[in-house]
């Protein structure tokens, strides 16, 4: 099972950066999710979060802590949700084949706005487990 970092980037207003996956993505095209990426050989989950944020969004993040882990057997993936803060930079879409757009939204507003069919499987699971995210709201 591959490990994937699901990067929960929080700003000073307690908003989370959510991305809309590009329509060209093989899995979950057009779904809203946190920025994410596969752990590469020799990386730990924090290094993956830092690398992916830089590659996809052009920002330097500081990992704060792991807030949850969720296995998605249908994709042979273990999602590890890593809470991060921006250390420097402002997000831009550097990889349009990965990300169509992004928005800063509080968790509760995000879950009120989007249905399960519009979001990634990890976020569907998070919606059902508010104890994992409500104190970041």
Protein backbone atom coordinates (compact mmCIF):
# COMPACT_ATOMS: atom_id res chain seq x y z
CA UNK A 1 0.00 0.00 0.00
CA UNK A 2 1.46 3.37 -1.05
CA UNK A 3 1.60 6.17 1.48
CA UNK A 4 0.32 9.57 0.40
CA UNK A 5 0.67 12.87 2.21
CA UNK A 6 -2.61 14.79 2.31
CA UNK A 7 -1.37 18.29 3.11
CA UNK A 8 -3.69 20.27 5.38
CA UNK A 9 -2.34 23.81 4.94
CA UNK A 10 -3.82 26.21 7.49
CA UNK A 11 -3.61 30.01 7.38
CA UNK A 12 -3.92 32.57 10.18
CA UNK A 13 -7.73 32.72 9.68
CA UNK A 14 -7.99 28.95 10.31
CA UNK A 15 -8.86 28.42 6.66
CA UNK A 16 -7.59 25.32 4.88
CA UNK A 17 -6.24 25.31 1.33
CA UNK A 18 -8.32 22.92 -0.76
CA UNK A 19 -7.52 22.14 -4.39
CA UNK A 20 -9.72 21.03 -7.25
CA UNK A 21 -7.95 18.17 -8.97
CA UNK A 22 -7.29 18.61 -12.69
CA UNK A 23 -9.73 16.88 -15.03
CA UNK A 24 -6.78 15.07 -16.62
CA UNK A 25 -6.03 13.20 -13.36
CA UNK A 26 -6.40 9.43 -13.58
CA UNK A 27 -8.07 9.16 -10.18
CA UNK A 28 -10.79 11.46 -8.91
CA UNK A 29 -10.64 14.05 -11.73
CA UNK A 30 -12.32 17.30 -10.73
CA UNK A 31 -12.69 16.29 -7.07
CA UNK A 32 -11.84 18.71 -4.27
CA UNK A 33 -9.11 17.52 -1.92
CA UNK A 34 -6.10 18.72 0.03
CA UNK A 35 -2.90 18.98 -2.02
CA UNK A 36 -1.31 15.54 -1.90
CA UNK A 37 1.43 13.33 -3.18
CA UNK A 38 3.10 9.95 -2.93
CA UNK A 39 5.91 9.32 -0.46
CA UNK A 40 9.05 8.65 -2.50
CA UNK A 41 11.88 6.29 -1.57
CA UNK A 42 14.01 7.82 1.19
CA UNK A 43 11.34 10.32 2.27
CA UNK A 44 9.35 10.49 5.44
CA UNK A 45 5.82 11.91 5.41
CA UNK A 46 6.97 15.41 6.42
CA UNK A 47 9.51 15.60 3.59
CA UNK A 48 6.80 14.52 1.16
CA UNK A 49 4.47 17.27 2.40
CA UNK A 50 7.24 19.87 2.01
CA UNK A 51 8.21 18.65 -1.48
CA UNK A 52 4.67 18.42 -2.80
CA UNK A 53 3.69 21.88 -1.51
CA UNK A 54 6.75 23.36 -3.24
CA UNK A 55 6.25 21.44 -6.51
CA UNK A 56 2.49 21.97 -6.84
CA UNK A 57 1.95 25.34 -5.15
CA UNK A 58 5.36 27.06 -4.96
CA UNK A 59 5.25 27.47 -1.19
CA UNK A 60 7.48 26.35 1.65
CA UNK A 61 5.49 24.68 4.42
CA UNK A 62 6.38 23.62 7.92
CA UNK A 63 4.78 20.35 9.00
CA UNK A 64 3.16 20.69 12.44
CA UNK A 65 1.69 17.27 13.12
CA UNK A 66 -0.10 14.27 11.68
CA UNK A 67 -3.82 14.69 12.39
CA UNK A 68 -5.13 11.40 10.93
CA UNK A 69 -4.38 8.31 8.86
CA UNK A 70 -6.87 6.55 6.62
CA UNK A 71 -6.42 3.49 4.44
CA UNK A 72 -8.20 3.57 1.09
CA UNK A 73 -8.00 -0.05 -0.10
CA UNK A 74 -9.88 0.78 -3.32
CA UNK A 75 -6.83 2.84 -4.37
CA UNK A 76 -4.17 0.81 -2.48
CA UNK A 77 -3.31 4.03 -0.64
CA UNK A 78 -2.78 5.04 2.98
CA UNK A 79 -3.57 8.75 3.34
CA UNK A 80 -1.67 10.54 6.06
CA UNK A 81 -3.14 13.96 6.84
CA UNK A 82 -0.29 16.33 7.73
CA UNK A 83 -1.20 19.70 9.24
CA UNK A 84 1.18 22.37 7.88
CA UNK A 85 1.70 26.12 8.08
CA UNK A 86 3.11 28.27 5.29
CA UNK A 87 6.64 29.30 6.10
CA UNK A 88 7.12 31.40 2.96
CA UNK A 89 5.49 32.18 -0.36
CA UNK A 90 1.94 32.55 -1.64
CA UNK A 91 0.24 29.59 -3.29
CA UNK A 92 0.13 29.52 -7.09
CA UNK A 93 -0.72 26.64 -9.39
CA UNK A 94 2.64 25.39 -10.62
CA UNK A 95 1.35 22.07 -11.98
CA UNK A 96 -1.89 22.62 -13.94
CA UNK A 97 -1.92 18.91 -14.85
CA UNK A 98 -2.38 18.25 -11.11
CA UNK A 99 -4.48 21.20 -9.88
CA UNK A 100 -7.24 23.11 -11.65
CA UNK A 101 -7.81 25.71 -8.90
CA UNK A 102 -7.64 26.23 -5.16
CA UNK A 103 -9.58 28.00 -2.42
CA UNK A 104 -9.06 28.86 1.23
CA UNK A 105 -12.11 27.58 3.14
CA UNK A 106 -12.80 26.64 6.76
CA UNK A 107 -13.43 22.93 7.23
CA UNK A 108 -17.07 23.39 8.28
CA UNK A 109 -17.81 25.71 5.33
CA UNK A 110 -16.12 23.27 2.95
CA UNK A 111 -18.19 20.33 4.19
CA UNK A 112 -21.39 22.41 4.01
CA UNK A 113 -20.61 23.52 0.45
CA UNK A 114 -19.53 20.26 -1.20
CA UNK A 115 -21.28 16.88 -1.35
CA UNK A 116 -19.52 13.55 -0.93
CA UNK A 117 -19.57 13.15 -4.73
CA UNK A 118 -17.53 16.34 -5.19
CA UNK A 119 -14.71 15.56 -2.75
CA UNK A 120 -11.97 12.98 -2.37
CA UNK A 121 -12.55 9.80 -0.39
CA UNK A 122 -10.27 10.89 2.45
CA UNK A 123 -12.34 14.04 2.93
CA UNK A 124 -15.57 12.01 2.88
CA UNK A 125 -14.09 10.06 5.80
CA UNK A 126 -12.94 13.27 7.57
CA UNK A 127 -16.46 14.72 7.25
CA UNK A 128 -17.71 11.74 9.30
CA UNK A 129 -15.00 12.29 11.95
CA UNK A 130 -15.27 15.96 12.97
CA UNK A 131 -13.31 15.35 16.17
CA UNK A 132 -10.21 15.21 13.91
CA UNK A 133 -10.69 18.67 12.38
CA UNK A 134 -13.25 20.79 14.26
CA UNK A 135 -10.64 22.40 16.55
CA UNK A 136 -8.90 23.74 13.40
CA UNK A 137 -12.13 25.45 12.34
